[in-house]
Amino acid sequence: MTAPEPTCSRCGRARAAETDPLAALAWVSTKENGEQRWLCPDCARNHVRDIEGKLPDEYW
């Protein structure tokens, strides 16, 4: 059994729709409350401050 193809949790775009292999590699995976979520490159770029805000203080 294979895992379902990731879709962006913000805009719903499917990673399978990517025609450029580099764009498919640019997807961001996050884990929130034990659930894996995906962000497409555009949403990740638009919401980078939200992502950085979740990093622990030790990171900085």
N, C-alpha and C. Protein backbone atom coordinates (compact mmCIF):
# COMPACT_ATOMS: atom_id res chain seq x y z
N MET A 1 0.84 -1.18 0.00
CA MET A 1 0.00 0.00 0.00
C MET A 1 0.88 1.24 0.00
N THR A 2 0.61 2.18 -0.87
CA THR A 2 1.41 3.39 -0.96
C THR A 2 0.69 4.53 -0.25
N ALA A 3 1.48 5.48 0.23
CA ALA A 3 0.92 6.65 0.91
C ALA A 3 0.27 7.57 -0.12
N PRO A 4 -0.76 8.30 0.29
CA PRO A 4 -1.39 9.23 -0.65
C PRO A 4 -0.43 10.35 -1.04
N GLU A 5 -0.58 10.84 -2.24
CA GLU A 5 0.27 11.92 -2.74
C GLU A 5 0.00 13.19 -1.92
N PRO A 6 1.06 13.86 -1.46
CA PRO A 6 0.87 15.06 -0.64
C PRO A 6 0.13 16.18 -1.37
N THR A 7 -0.67 16.90 -0.61
CA THR A 7 -1.32 18.12 -1.09
C THR A 7 -1.02 19.23 -0.10
N CYS A 8 -0.98 20.45 -0.57
CA CYS A 8 -0.67 21.60 0.27
C CYS A 8 -1.81 21.82 1.27
N SER A 9 -1.45 21.96 2.55
CA SER A 9 -2.46 22.16 3.58
C SER A 9 -3.04 23.57 3.55
N ARG A 10 -2.41 24.48 2.83
CA ARG A 10 -2.92 25.86 2.73
C ARG A 10 -3.79 26.07 1.49
N CYS A 11 -3.29 25.65 0.32
CA CYS A 11 -4.01 25.97 -0.92
C CYS A 11 -4.61 24.74 -1.60
N GLY A 12 -4.22 23.53 -1.17
CA GLY A 12 -4.78 22.32 -1.75
C GLY A 12 -4.11 21.81 -3.01
N ARG A 13 -3.04 22.48 -3.44
CA ARG A 13 -2.31 22.06 -4.65
C ARG A 13 -1.69 20.69 -4.43
N ALA A 14 -1.73 19.84 -5.44
CA ALA A 14 -1.16 18.49 -5.35
C ALA A 14 0.28 18.48 -5.83
N ARG A 15 1.14 17.80 -5.09
CA ARG A 15 2.54 17.71 -5.50
C ARG A 15 2.68 16.94 -6.80
N ALA A 16 1.76 16.03 -7.07
CA ALA A 16 1.80 15.25 -8.31
C ALA A 16 1.63 16.14 -9.53
N ALA A 17 1.06 17.33 -9.35
CA ALA A 17 0.84 18.24 -10.47
C ALA A 17 2.12 18.95 -10.92
N GLU A 18 3.19 18.83 -10.13
CA GLU A 18 4.45 19.49 -10.47
C GLU A 18 5.07 18.82 -11.70
N THR A 19 5.43 19.62 -12.68
CA THR A 19 6.09 19.08 -13.87
C THR A 19 7.61 19.23 -13.76
N ASP A 20 8.07 20.15 -12.94
CA ASP A 20 9.50 20.38 -12.74
C ASP A 20 9.96 19.57 -11.52
N PRO A 21 10.92 18.67 -11.69
CA PRO A 21 11.38 17.85 -10.57
C PRO A 21 11.94 18.68 -9.41
N LEU A 22 12.59 19.79 -9.71
CA LEU A 22 13.12 20.64 -8.64
C LEU A 22 11.99 21.28 -7.83
N ALA A 23 10.90 21.64 -8.47
CA ALA A 23 9.76 22.19 -7.76
C ALA A 23 9.14 21.14 -6.84
N ALA A 24 9.12 19.90 -7.28
CA ALA A 24 8.58 18.83 -6.45
C ALA A 24 9.45 18.62 -5.20
N LEU A 25 10.74 18.85 -5.32
CA LEU A 25 11.65 18.71 -4.17
C LEU A 25 11.56 19.89 -3.21
N ALA A 26 10.99 21.00 -3.64
CA ALA A 26 10.93 22.21 -2.82
C ALA A 26 9.75 22.22 -1.85
N TRP A 27 8.96 21.18 -1.84
CA TRP A 27 7.83 21.11 -0.91
C TRP A 27 8.35 20.97 0.52
N VAL A 28 7.62 21.56 1.48
CA VAL A 28 8.02 21.57 2.88
C VAL A 28 7.09 20.66 3.67
N SER A 29 7.68 19.79 4.47
CA SER A 29 6.92 18.89 5.33
C SER A 29 7.02 19.39 6.77
N THR A 30 5.88 19.48 7.46
CA THR A 30 5.87 19.86 8.87
C THR A 30 5.07 18.82 9.64
N LYS A 31 5.28 18.78 10.92
CA LYS A 31 4.53 17.88 11.77
C LYS A 31 3.87 18.71 12.86
N GLU A 32 2.54 18.72 12.89
CA GLU A 32 1.78 19.48 13.88
C GLU A 32 0.83 18.54 14.59
N ASN A 33 0.97 18.48 15.91
CA ASN A 33 0.12 17.61 16.73
C ASN A 33 0.17 16.16 16.24
N GLY A 34 1.35 15.72 15.82
CA GLY A 34 1.52 14.35 15.37
C GLY A 34 1.05 14.08 13.95
N GLU A 35 0.54 15.08 13.27
CA GLU A 35 0.04 14.92 11.91
C GLU A 35 0.98 15.59 10.92
N GLN A 36 1.35 14.85 9.87
CA GLN A 36 2.23 15.42 8.85
C GLN A 36 1.42 16.30 7.92
N ARG A 37 1.94 17.50 7.67
CA ARG A 37 1.31 18.44 6.74
C ARG A 37 2.35 18.87 5.72
N TRP A 38 1.86 19.26 4.55
CA TRP A 38 2.74 19.68 3.46
C TRP A 38 2.40 21.10 3.04
N LEU A 39 3.43 21.84 2.63
CA LEU A 39 3.26 23.17 2.05
C LEU A 39 3.95 23.19 0.69
N CYS A 40 3.25 23.71 -0.31
CA CYS A 40 3.85 23.87 -1.63
C CYS A 40 4.89 24.99 -1.54
N PRO A 41 5.79 25.09 -2.50
CA PRO A 41 6.82 26.13 -2.44
C PRO A 41 6.26 27.54 -2.34
N ASP A 42 5.16 27.83 -3.03
CA ASP A 42 4.58 29.18 -2.98
C ASP A 42 4.05 29.50 -1.59
N CYS A 43 3.30 28.58 -0.99
CA CYS A 43 2.75 28.81 0.35
C CYS A 43 3.86 28.84 1.40
N ALA A 44 4.87 28.01 1.23
CA ALA A 44 5.99 28.01 2.17
C ALA A 44 6.69 29.37 2.13
N ARG A 45 6.89 29.90 0.94
CA ARG A 45 7.53 31.21 0.80
C ARG A 45 6.67 32.30 1.42
N ASN A 46 5.36 32.23 1.20
CA ASN A 46 4.45 33.25 1.73
C ASN A 46 4.29 33.17 3.24
N HIS A 47 4.50 32.00 3.83
CA HIS A 47 4.26 31.81 5.26
C HIS A 47 5.53 31.44 6.02
N VAL A 48 6.68 31.89 5.53
CA VAL A 48 7.96 31.54 6.15
C VAL A 48 8.05 32.08 7.58
N ARG A 49 7.45 33.20 7.88
CA ARG A 49 7.51 33.73 9.26
C ARG A 49 6.74 32.84 10.22
N ASP A 50 5.63 32.27 9.78
CA ASP A 50 4.89 31.32 10.63
C ASP A 50 5.76 30.11 10.92
N ILE A 51 6.46 29.63 9.90
CA ILE A 51 7.31 28.46 10.05
C ILE A 51 8.46 28.78 11.02
N GLU A 52 9.11 29.94 10.85
CA GLU A 52 10.22 30.32 11.72
C GLU A 52 9.75 30.52 13.15
N GLY A 53 8.53 30.99 13.33
CA GLY A 53 8.00 31.22 14.66
C GLY A 53 7.82 29.95 15.46
N LYS A 54 7.75 28.81 14.80
CA LYS A 54 7.58 27.53 15.48
C LYS A 54 8.90 26.89 15.87
N LEU A 55 10.01 27.48 15.43
CA LEU A 55 11.31 26.91 15.77
C LEU A 55 11.63 27.19 17.24
N PRO A 56 12.30 26.25 17.91
CA PRO A 56 12.65 26.48 19.32
C PRO A 56 13.69 27.60 19.44
N ASP A 57 13.70 28.24 20.59
CA ASP A 57 14.64 29.36 20.83
C ASP A 57 16.09 28.92 20.65
N GLU A 58 16.38 27.66 20.95
CA GLU A 58 17.77 27.17 20.82
C GLU A 58 18.27 27.25 19.38
N TYR A 59 17.34 27.23 18.43
CA TYR A 59 17.73 27.29 17.02
C TYR A 59 18.42 28.63 16.71
N TRP A 60 17.92 29.68 17.31
CA TRP A 60 18.44 31.01 17.02
C TRP A 60 19.62 31.29 17.89
